[in-house]
Amino acid sequence: MHAYQEPVIDQVQSGMKVVDSDGKELGTVEFVKLGDPAAATTEGQESDPRPGVVPILADVFTDPEPDLPPALAARLVRTGFVKVDAKGLFSRDLYVTPDQVARIDGNVVHLSADRGALAKES
């Protein structure tokens, strides 16, 4: 029987450097969304709906997160994710699932996967 281990994603913070399983720097953490992996749906985990014109305009001018195909986005909203601001002028941002975070060393997030295994922003 395995002992319960706190999810490492709880320790990830904006601005941390992110490296893949080979030690290659991928970018920095843009933000972290903690999820509820035991939830059956994403209901209640989306942004709070607010009536009025300002929230409607805000939705028009902001991108929903995660910016991925709907089925994958729903899974990540439920389980949580780390959005990585990828290095490189034309690089698309990356999304890391909780199980892809291997460990945290100081201000560096070490992943158990390489860049190719990460979801890329649409």
N, C-alpha and C. Protein backbone atom coordinates (compact mmCIF):
# COMPACT_ATOMS: atom_id res chain seq x y z
N MET A 1 0.84 -1.18 0.00
CA MET A 1 0.00 0.00 0.00
C MET A 1 0.88 1.24 0.00
N HIS A 2 0.53 2.22 -0.84
CA HIS A 2 1.30 3.44 -0.94
C HIS A 2 0.80 4.47 0.06
N ALA A 3 1.72 5.19 0.66
CA ALA A 3 1.33 6.26 1.58
C ALA A 3 0.84 7.46 0.78
N TYR A 4 -0.13 8.17 1.35
CA TYR A 4 -0.65 9.36 0.68
C TYR A 4 0.46 10.39 0.59
N GLN A 5 0.57 11.04 -0.56
CA GLN A 5 1.58 12.07 -0.75
C GLN A 5 0.88 13.34 -1.23
N GLU A 6 1.18 14.47 -0.57
CA GLU A 6 0.59 15.74 -0.97
C GLU A 6 0.93 16.04 -2.42
N PRO A 7 -0.01 16.54 -3.19
CA PRO A 7 0.29 16.90 -4.57
C PRO A 7 1.35 17.99 -4.63
N VAL A 8 2.32 17.82 -5.47
CA VAL A 8 3.40 18.80 -5.61
C VAL A 8 2.89 20.10 -6.23
N ILE A 9 1.81 20.02 -7.02
CA ILE A 9 1.28 21.20 -7.70
C ILE A 9 0.90 22.29 -6.68
N ASP A 10 0.57 21.88 -5.45
CA ASP A 10 0.23 22.85 -4.41
C ASP A 10 1.39 23.79 -4.09
N GLN A 11 2.60 23.40 -4.40
CA GLN A 11 3.79 24.19 -4.09
C GLN A 11 4.23 25.09 -5.24
N VAL A 12 3.62 24.93 -6.40
CA VAL A 12 4.00 25.71 -7.59
C VAL A 12 3.43 27.13 -7.47
N GLN A 13 4.26 28.12 -7.82
CA GLN A 13 3.85 29.52 -7.75
C GLN A 13 4.22 30.24 -9.04
N SER A 14 3.47 31.30 -9.34
CA SER A 14 3.75 32.12 -10.52
C SER A 14 5.18 32.62 -10.47
N GLY A 15 5.81 32.65 -11.65
CA GLY A 15 7.18 33.15 -11.77
C GLY A 15 8.26 32.10 -11.64
N MET A 16 7.92 30.90 -11.19
CA MET A 16 8.94 29.85 -11.07
C MET A 16 9.39 29.38 -12.45
N LYS A 17 10.65 28.99 -12.54
CA LYS A 17 11.20 28.44 -13.78
C LYS A 17 10.70 27.00 -13.92
N VAL A 18 10.43 26.58 -15.16
CA VAL A 18 9.95 25.22 -15.43
C VAL A 18 10.95 24.53 -16.36
N VAL A 19 11.37 23.32 -15.95
CA VAL A 19 12.27 22.52 -16.78
C VAL A 19 11.64 21.17 -17.04
N ASP A 20 11.92 20.59 -18.22
CA ASP A 20 11.35 19.29 -18.56
C ASP A 20 12.17 18.16 -17.95
N SER A 21 11.82 16.93 -18.28
CA SER A 21 12.48 15.76 -17.69
C SER A 21 13.96 15.67 -18.06
N ASP A 22 14.36 16.34 -19.14
CA ASP A 22 15.77 16.36 -19.57
C ASP A 22 16.53 17.56 -19.00
N GLY A 23 15.84 18.39 -18.22
CA GLY A 23 16.48 19.57 -17.63
C GLY A 23 16.47 20.79 -18.54
N LYS A 24 15.78 20.71 -19.69
CA LYS A 24 15.70 21.86 -20.60
C LYS A 24 14.66 22.85 -20.09
N GLU A 25 15.06 24.13 -20.05
CA GLU A 25 14.13 25.16 -19.58
C GLU A 25 13.03 25.38 -20.60
N LEU A 26 11.77 25.31 -20.12
CA LEU A 26 10.61 25.50 -20.98
C LEU A 26 10.04 26.90 -20.88
N GLY A 27 10.19 27.55 -19.75
CA GLY A 27 9.63 28.87 -19.53
C GLY A 27 9.38 29.10 -18.06
N THR A 28 8.40 29.96 -17.76
CA THR A 28 8.08 30.26 -16.38
C THR A 28 6.58 30.03 -16.12
N VAL A 29 6.25 29.78 -14.88
CA VAL A 29 4.86 29.55 -14.49
C VAL A 29 4.10 30.86 -14.63
N GLU A 30 3.06 30.85 -15.44
CA GLU A 30 2.20 32.03 -15.60
C GLU A 30 1.16 32.04 -14.49
N PHE A 31 0.50 30.90 -14.26
CA PHE A 31 -0.39 30.76 -13.12
C PHE A 31 -0.71 29.30 -12.88
N VAL A 32 -1.29 29.05 -11.70
CA VAL A 32 -1.64 27.69 -11.28
C VAL A 32 -3.12 27.66 -10.97
N LYS A 33 -3.79 26.62 -11.45
CA LYS A 33 -5.20 26.39 -11.15
C LYS A 33 -5.29 25.05 -10.43
N LEU A 34 -5.64 25.09 -9.14
CA LEU A 34 -5.83 23.86 -8.40
C LEU A 34 -7.22 23.34 -8.70
N GLY A 35 -7.34 22.05 -8.85
CA GLY A 35 -8.62 21.46 -9.17
C GLY A 35 -9.13 20.57 -8.06
N ASP A 36 -10.16 19.82 -8.37
CA ASP A 36 -10.74 18.84 -7.47
C ASP A 36 -10.84 17.54 -8.25
N PRO A 37 -9.78 16.72 -8.24
CA PRO A 37 -9.76 15.50 -9.04
C PRO A 37 -10.89 14.54 -8.73
N ALA A 38 -11.49 14.62 -7.56
CA ALA A 38 -12.58 13.73 -7.19
C ALA A 38 -13.92 14.19 -7.77
N ALA A 39 -13.95 15.42 -8.31
CA ALA A 39 -15.19 15.96 -8.87
C ALA A 39 -15.57 15.21 -10.14
N ALA A 40 -16.85 14.98 -10.30
CA ALA A 40 -17.34 14.28 -11.49
C ALA A 40 -17.50 15.23 -12.67
N THR A 41 -17.72 16.53 -12.39
CA THR A 41 -17.89 17.53 -13.44
C THR A 41 -17.08 18.76 -13.08
N THR A 42 -17.08 19.75 -13.98
CA THR A 42 -16.39 21.01 -13.71
C THR A 42 -17.32 22.04 -13.09
N GLU A 43 -18.58 21.67 -12.85
CA GLU A 43 -19.54 22.62 -12.29
C GLU A 43 -19.03 23.18 -10.97
N GLY A 44 -19.07 24.50 -10.86
CA GLY A 44 -18.61 25.17 -9.66
C GLY A 44 -17.13 25.50 -9.67
N GLN A 45 -16.39 25.05 -10.68
CA GLN A 45 -14.97 25.32 -10.74
C GLN A 45 -14.62 26.38 -11.76
N GLU A 46 -15.63 26.80 -12.54
CA GLU A 46 -15.39 27.85 -13.51
C GLU A 46 -15.40 29.19 -12.78
N SER A 47 -15.03 30.24 -13.47
CA SER A 47 -15.08 31.58 -12.91
C SER A 47 -16.51 31.89 -12.51
N ASP A 48 -16.65 32.70 -11.45
CA ASP A 48 -17.98 33.06 -10.98
C ASP A 48 -18.70 33.90 -12.02
N PRO A 49 -19.92 33.47 -12.42
CA PRO A 49 -20.69 34.29 -13.35
C PRO A 49 -21.24 35.51 -12.62
N ARG A 50 -21.07 36.69 -13.22
CA ARG A 50 -21.57 37.92 -12.62
C ARG A 50 -22.46 38.60 -13.64
N PRO A 51 -23.64 39.04 -13.20
CA PRO A 51 -24.53 39.73 -14.13
C PRO A 51 -23.99 41.12 -14.45
N GLY A 52 -24.41 41.64 -15.58
CA GLY A 52 -24.03 43.00 -15.94
C GLY A 52 -23.21 43.05 -17.20
N VAL A 53 -22.97 44.27 -17.66
CA VAL A 53 -22.28 44.48 -18.92
C VAL A 53 -20.77 44.29 -18.79
N VAL A 54 -20.17 44.74 -17.68
CA VAL A 54 -18.72 44.67 -17.53
C VAL A 54 -18.21 43.23 -17.61
N PRO A 55 -18.78 42.26 -16.89
CA PRO A 55 -18.30 40.89 -17.03
C PRO A 55 -18.46 40.33 -18.44
N ILE A 56 -19.54 40.71 -19.12
CA ILE A 56 -19.75 40.25 -20.49
C ILE A 56 -18.66 40.79 -21.39
N LEU A 57 -18.33 42.08 -21.26
CA LEU A 57 -17.24 42.66 -22.04
C LEU A 57 -15.90 42.03 -21.67
N ALA A 58 -15.70 41.76 -20.40
CA ALA A 58 -14.45 41.13 -19.97
C ALA A 58 -14.30 39.77 -20.62
N ASP A 59 -15.39 39.00 -20.73
CA ASP A 59 -15.33 37.69 -21.38
C ASP A 59 -14.97 37.80 -22.85
N VAL A 60 -15.41 38.86 -23.50
CA VAL A 60 -15.12 39.06 -24.92
C VAL A 60 -13.64 39.33 -25.13
N PHE A 61 -13.01 40.08 -24.20
CA PHE A 61 -11.63 40.51 -24.39
C PHE A 61 -10.61 39.67 -23.65
N THR A 62 -11.02 38.64 -22.98
CA THR A 62 -10.08 37.75 -22.31
C THR A 62 -10.25 36.34 -22.83
N ASP A 63 -9.16 35.61 -22.83
CA ASP A 63 -9.20 34.23 -23.29
C ASP A 63 -9.58 33.33 -22.13
N PRO A 64 -10.45 32.35 -22.37
CA PRO A 64 -10.76 31.40 -21.30
C PRO A 64 -9.56 30.49 -21.05
N GLU A 65 -9.40 30.07 -19.84
CA GLU A 65 -8.31 29.15 -19.51
C GLU A 65 -8.90 27.85 -19.00
N PRO A 66 -8.31 26.77 -19.38
CA PRO A 66 -7.21 26.65 -20.32
C PRO A 66 -7.69 26.77 -21.77
N ASP A 67 -6.85 27.35 -22.61
CA ASP A 67 -7.16 27.55 -24.03
C ASP A 67 -6.77 26.28 -24.79
N LEU A 68 -7.64 25.27 -24.66
CA LEU A 68 -7.42 23.94 -25.23
C LEU A 68 -8.72 23.42 -25.80
N PRO A 69 -8.68 22.33 -26.55
CA PRO A 69 -9.93 21.72 -27.01
C PRO A 69 -10.84 21.43 -25.81
N PRO A 70 -12.16 21.55 -25.99
CA PRO A 70 -13.11 21.47 -24.86
C PRO A 70 -12.96 20.26 -23.94
N ALA A 71 -12.80 19.07 -24.47
CA ALA A 71 -12.71 17.88 -23.61
C ALA A 71 -11.47 17.94 -22.73
N LEU A 72 -10.34 18.33 -23.30
CA LEU A 72 -9.09 18.44 -22.53
C LEU A 72 -9.19 19.59 -21.53
N ALA A 73 -9.76 20.71 -21.95
CA ALA A 73 -9.92 21.86 -21.05
C ALA A 73 -10.77 21.48 -19.84
N ALA A 74 -11.86 20.75 -20.07
CA ALA A 74 -12.74 20.33 -18.96
C ALA A 74 -11.99 19.43 -17.99
N ARG A 75 -11.17 18.54 -18.53
CA ARG A 75 -10.39 17.64 -17.65
C ARG A 75 -9.40 18.43 -16.81
N LEU A 76 -8.72 19.40 -17.42
CA LEU A 76 -7.74 20.18 -16.67
C LEU A 76 -8.39 21.10 -15.64
N VAL A 77 -9.56 21.63 -15.95
CA VAL A 77 -10.28 22.45 -14.97
C VAL A 77 -10.63 21.59 -13.76
N ARG A 78 -10.98 20.34 -14.01
CA ARG A 78 -11.35 19.44 -12.92
C ARG A 78 -10.13 19.00 -12.10
N THR A 79 -9.03 18.65 -12.78
CA THR A 79 -7.86 18.11 -12.07
C THR A 79 -6.87 19.17 -11.64
N GLY A 80 -6.92 20.35 -12.29
CA GLY A 80 -5.94 21.40 -12.02
C GLY A 80 -4.87 21.39 -13.09
N PHE A 81 -4.12 22.50 -13.17
CA PHE A 81 -3.05 22.59 -14.16
C PHE A 81 -2.12 23.75 -13.82
N VAL A 82 -0.96 23.72 -14.46
CA VAL A 82 0.00 24.82 -14.40
C VAL A 82 0.12 25.35 -15.81
N LYS A 83 -0.06 26.65 -15.99
CA LYS A 83 0.15 27.25 -17.31
C LYS A 83 1.57 27.80 -17.34
N VAL A 84 2.31 27.40 -18.38
CA VAL A 84 3.71 27.81 -18.53
C VAL A 84 3.81 28.80 -19.68
N ASP A 85 4.36 29.96 -19.38
CA ASP A 85 4.66 30.96 -20.40
C ASP A 85 5.94 30.48 -21.08
N ALA A 86 5.78 29.83 -22.23
CA ALA A 86 6.90 29.18 -22.91
C ALA A 86 7.92 30.18 -23.44
N LYS A 87 9.20 29.77 -23.37
CA LYS A 87 10.28 30.58 -23.91
C LYS A 87 10.20 30.61 -25.43
N GLY A 88 10.63 31.69 -26.00
CA GLY A 88 10.68 31.80 -27.45
C GLY A 88 9.61 32.73 -27.98
N LEU A 89 9.97 33.52 -28.95
CA LEU A 89 9.07 34.54 -29.50
C LEU A 89 7.77 33.97 -30.04
N PHE A 90 7.83 32.87 -30.74
CA PHE A 90 6.62 32.30 -31.36
C PHE A 90 6.14 31.03 -30.67
N SER A 91 6.64 30.76 -29.47
CA SER A 91 6.24 29.56 -28.74
C SER A 91 4.85 29.72 -28.14
N ARG A 92 4.05 28.67 -28.27
CA ARG A 92 2.73 28.67 -27.65
C ARG A 92 2.89 28.25 -26.18
N ASP A 93 2.05 28.82 -25.33
CA ASP A 93 2.10 28.47 -23.92
C ASP A 93 1.76 26.99 -23.74
N LEU A 94 2.22 26.44 -22.63
CA LEU A 94 2.07 25.02 -22.34
C LEU A 94 1.24 24.82 -21.09
N TYR A 95 0.57 23.67 -21.01
CA TYR A 95 -0.21 23.31 -19.84
C TYR A 95 0.34 22.02 -19.26
N VAL A 96 0.59 22.03 -17.96
CA VAL A 96 1.16 20.91 -17.24
C VAL A 96 0.08 20.34 -16.32
N THR A 97 -0.13 19.03 -16.37
CA THR A 97 -1.07 18.39 -15.46
C THR A 97 -0.38 18.11 -14.13
N PRO A 98 -1.15 17.96 -13.06
CA PRO A 98 -0.53 17.70 -11.75
C PRO A 98 0.41 16.49 -11.73
N ASP A 99 0.07 15.44 -12.46
CA ASP A 99 0.91 14.25 -12.46
C ASP A 99 2.20 14.43 -13.26
N GLN A 100 2.33 15.52 -14.01
CA GLN A 100 3.56 15.79 -14.75
C GLN A 100 4.56 16.61 -13.94
N VAL A 101 4.16 17.08 -12.77
CA VAL A 101 5.06 17.83 -11.89
C VAL A 101 5.77 16.81 -11.00
N ALA A 102 7.08 16.66 -11.21
CA ALA A 102 7.86 15.67 -10.46
C ALA A 102 8.28 16.19 -9.09
N ARG A 103 8.84 17.40 -9.07
CA ARG A 103 9.32 17.96 -7.81
C ARG A 103 9.59 19.44 -7.96
N ILE A 104 9.78 20.09 -6.83
CA ILE A 104 10.13 21.50 -6.78
C ILE A 104 11.48 21.59 -6.08
N ASP A 105 12.44 22.27 -6.71
CA ASP A 105 13.74 22.53 -6.09
C ASP A 105 13.93 24.03 -6.07
N GLY A 106 13.78 24.63 -4.90
CA GLY A 106 13.92 26.08 -4.80
C GLY A 106 12.85 26.76 -5.63
N ASN A 107 13.28 27.50 -6.67
CA ASN A 107 12.37 28.25 -7.53
C ASN A 107 12.23 27.58 -8.90
N VAL A 108 12.48 26.26 -8.94
CA VAL A 108 12.42 25.52 -10.21
C VAL A 108 11.43 24.36 -10.10
N VAL A 109 10.53 24.29 -11.09
CA VAL A 109 9.57 23.19 -11.20
C VAL A 109 10.15 22.17 -12.17
N HIS A 110 10.40 20.97 -11.68
CA HIS A 110 10.93 19.88 -12.50
C HIS A 110 9.77 19.00 -12.93
N LEU A 111 9.68 18.75 -14.23
CA LEU A 111 8.61 17.92 -14.76
C LEU A 111 9.09 16.49 -14.99
N SER A 112 8.14 15.58 -15.02
CA SER A 112 8.44 14.18 -15.31
C SER A 112 8.21 13.87 -16.79
N ALA A 113 7.94 14.91 -17.57
CA ALA A 113 7.65 14.75 -19.01
C ALA A 113 8.51 15.73 -19.80
N ASP A 114 8.63 15.44 -21.10
CA ASP A 114 9.33 16.38 -21.97
C ASP A 114 8.32 17.31 -22.63
N ARG A 115 8.81 18.31 -23.32
CA ARG A 115 7.95 19.32 -23.95
C ARG A 115 6.88 18.70 -24.85
N GLY A 116 7.23 17.67 -25.60
CA GLY A 116 6.30 17.05 -26.53
C GLY A 116 5.09 16.41 -25.86
N ALA A 117 5.19 16.07 -24.59
CA ALA A 117 4.08 15.43 -23.88
C ALA A 117 3.13 16.42 -23.24
N LEU A 118 3.45 17.72 -23.33
CA LEU A 118 2.61 18.74 -22.70
C LEU A 118 1.57 19.27 -23.68
N ALA A 119 0.42 19.65 -23.14
CA ALA A 119 -0.63 20.26 -23.97
C ALA A 119 -0.20 21.66 -24.35
N LYS A 120 -0.44 22.03 -25.61
CA LYS A 120 -0.06 23.36 -26.11
C LYS A 120 -1.31 24.21 -26.30
N GLU A 121 -1.17 25.49 -25.98
CA GLU A 121 -2.28 26.43 -26.12
C GLU A 121 -2.81 26.44 -27.55
N SER A 122 -4.12 26.51 -27.67
CA SER A 122 -4.75 26.52 -29.00
C SER A 122 -4.50 27.84 -29.72
